[in-house]
Amino acid sequence: RWPVTSLTRHEASGTFIATMRGRAKGSDGRERTGVYVATSPDLVHWAGPALLMEAPLFGSCDASDAISYPALIDPDSTDRNFGTVGDHPALTFVRADTDGCTVTPDRDIVLKRVRIDPTSASARRSSR
């Protein structure tokens, strides 16, 4: 459905977490854009996607601070390719300024800490 921008494995639970950007209608019928995650115990059976962070996406004319390229990265990962995450990884993404419908060359790489709930292995935003 949407392109996966990162795939990591939660070390404590063994659950795989796919990160992607997209748009979907919530249970209230309102369309939301942003970063979504889906989880899998075995890379075959998947739950989600679920909205992790609401944000405008590249390509949206009404977007200010549009985002793209979301990924979960844990600086403390023991994997040389950062393919694993602990309970407090960082959601990283590129944020771009827009001028109307044009994405400007002004870009920032942003890191926001999230918390993985080990019982459900789902990511939640943290205030950290």
Foldseek 3Di string as FASTA:
>chain_A
DFDFLAWAAAVLQRKIKTKGWDWDQDPVRDIFTDIWIWIDNPVPDIDDGDDADTAAAQQDQPHAFHKHRWDWAAPPDPDPVRRYHYQKTWTWIKTFGADRRRTDPDIDIDTFIWGQDSVVRDTHGDPD
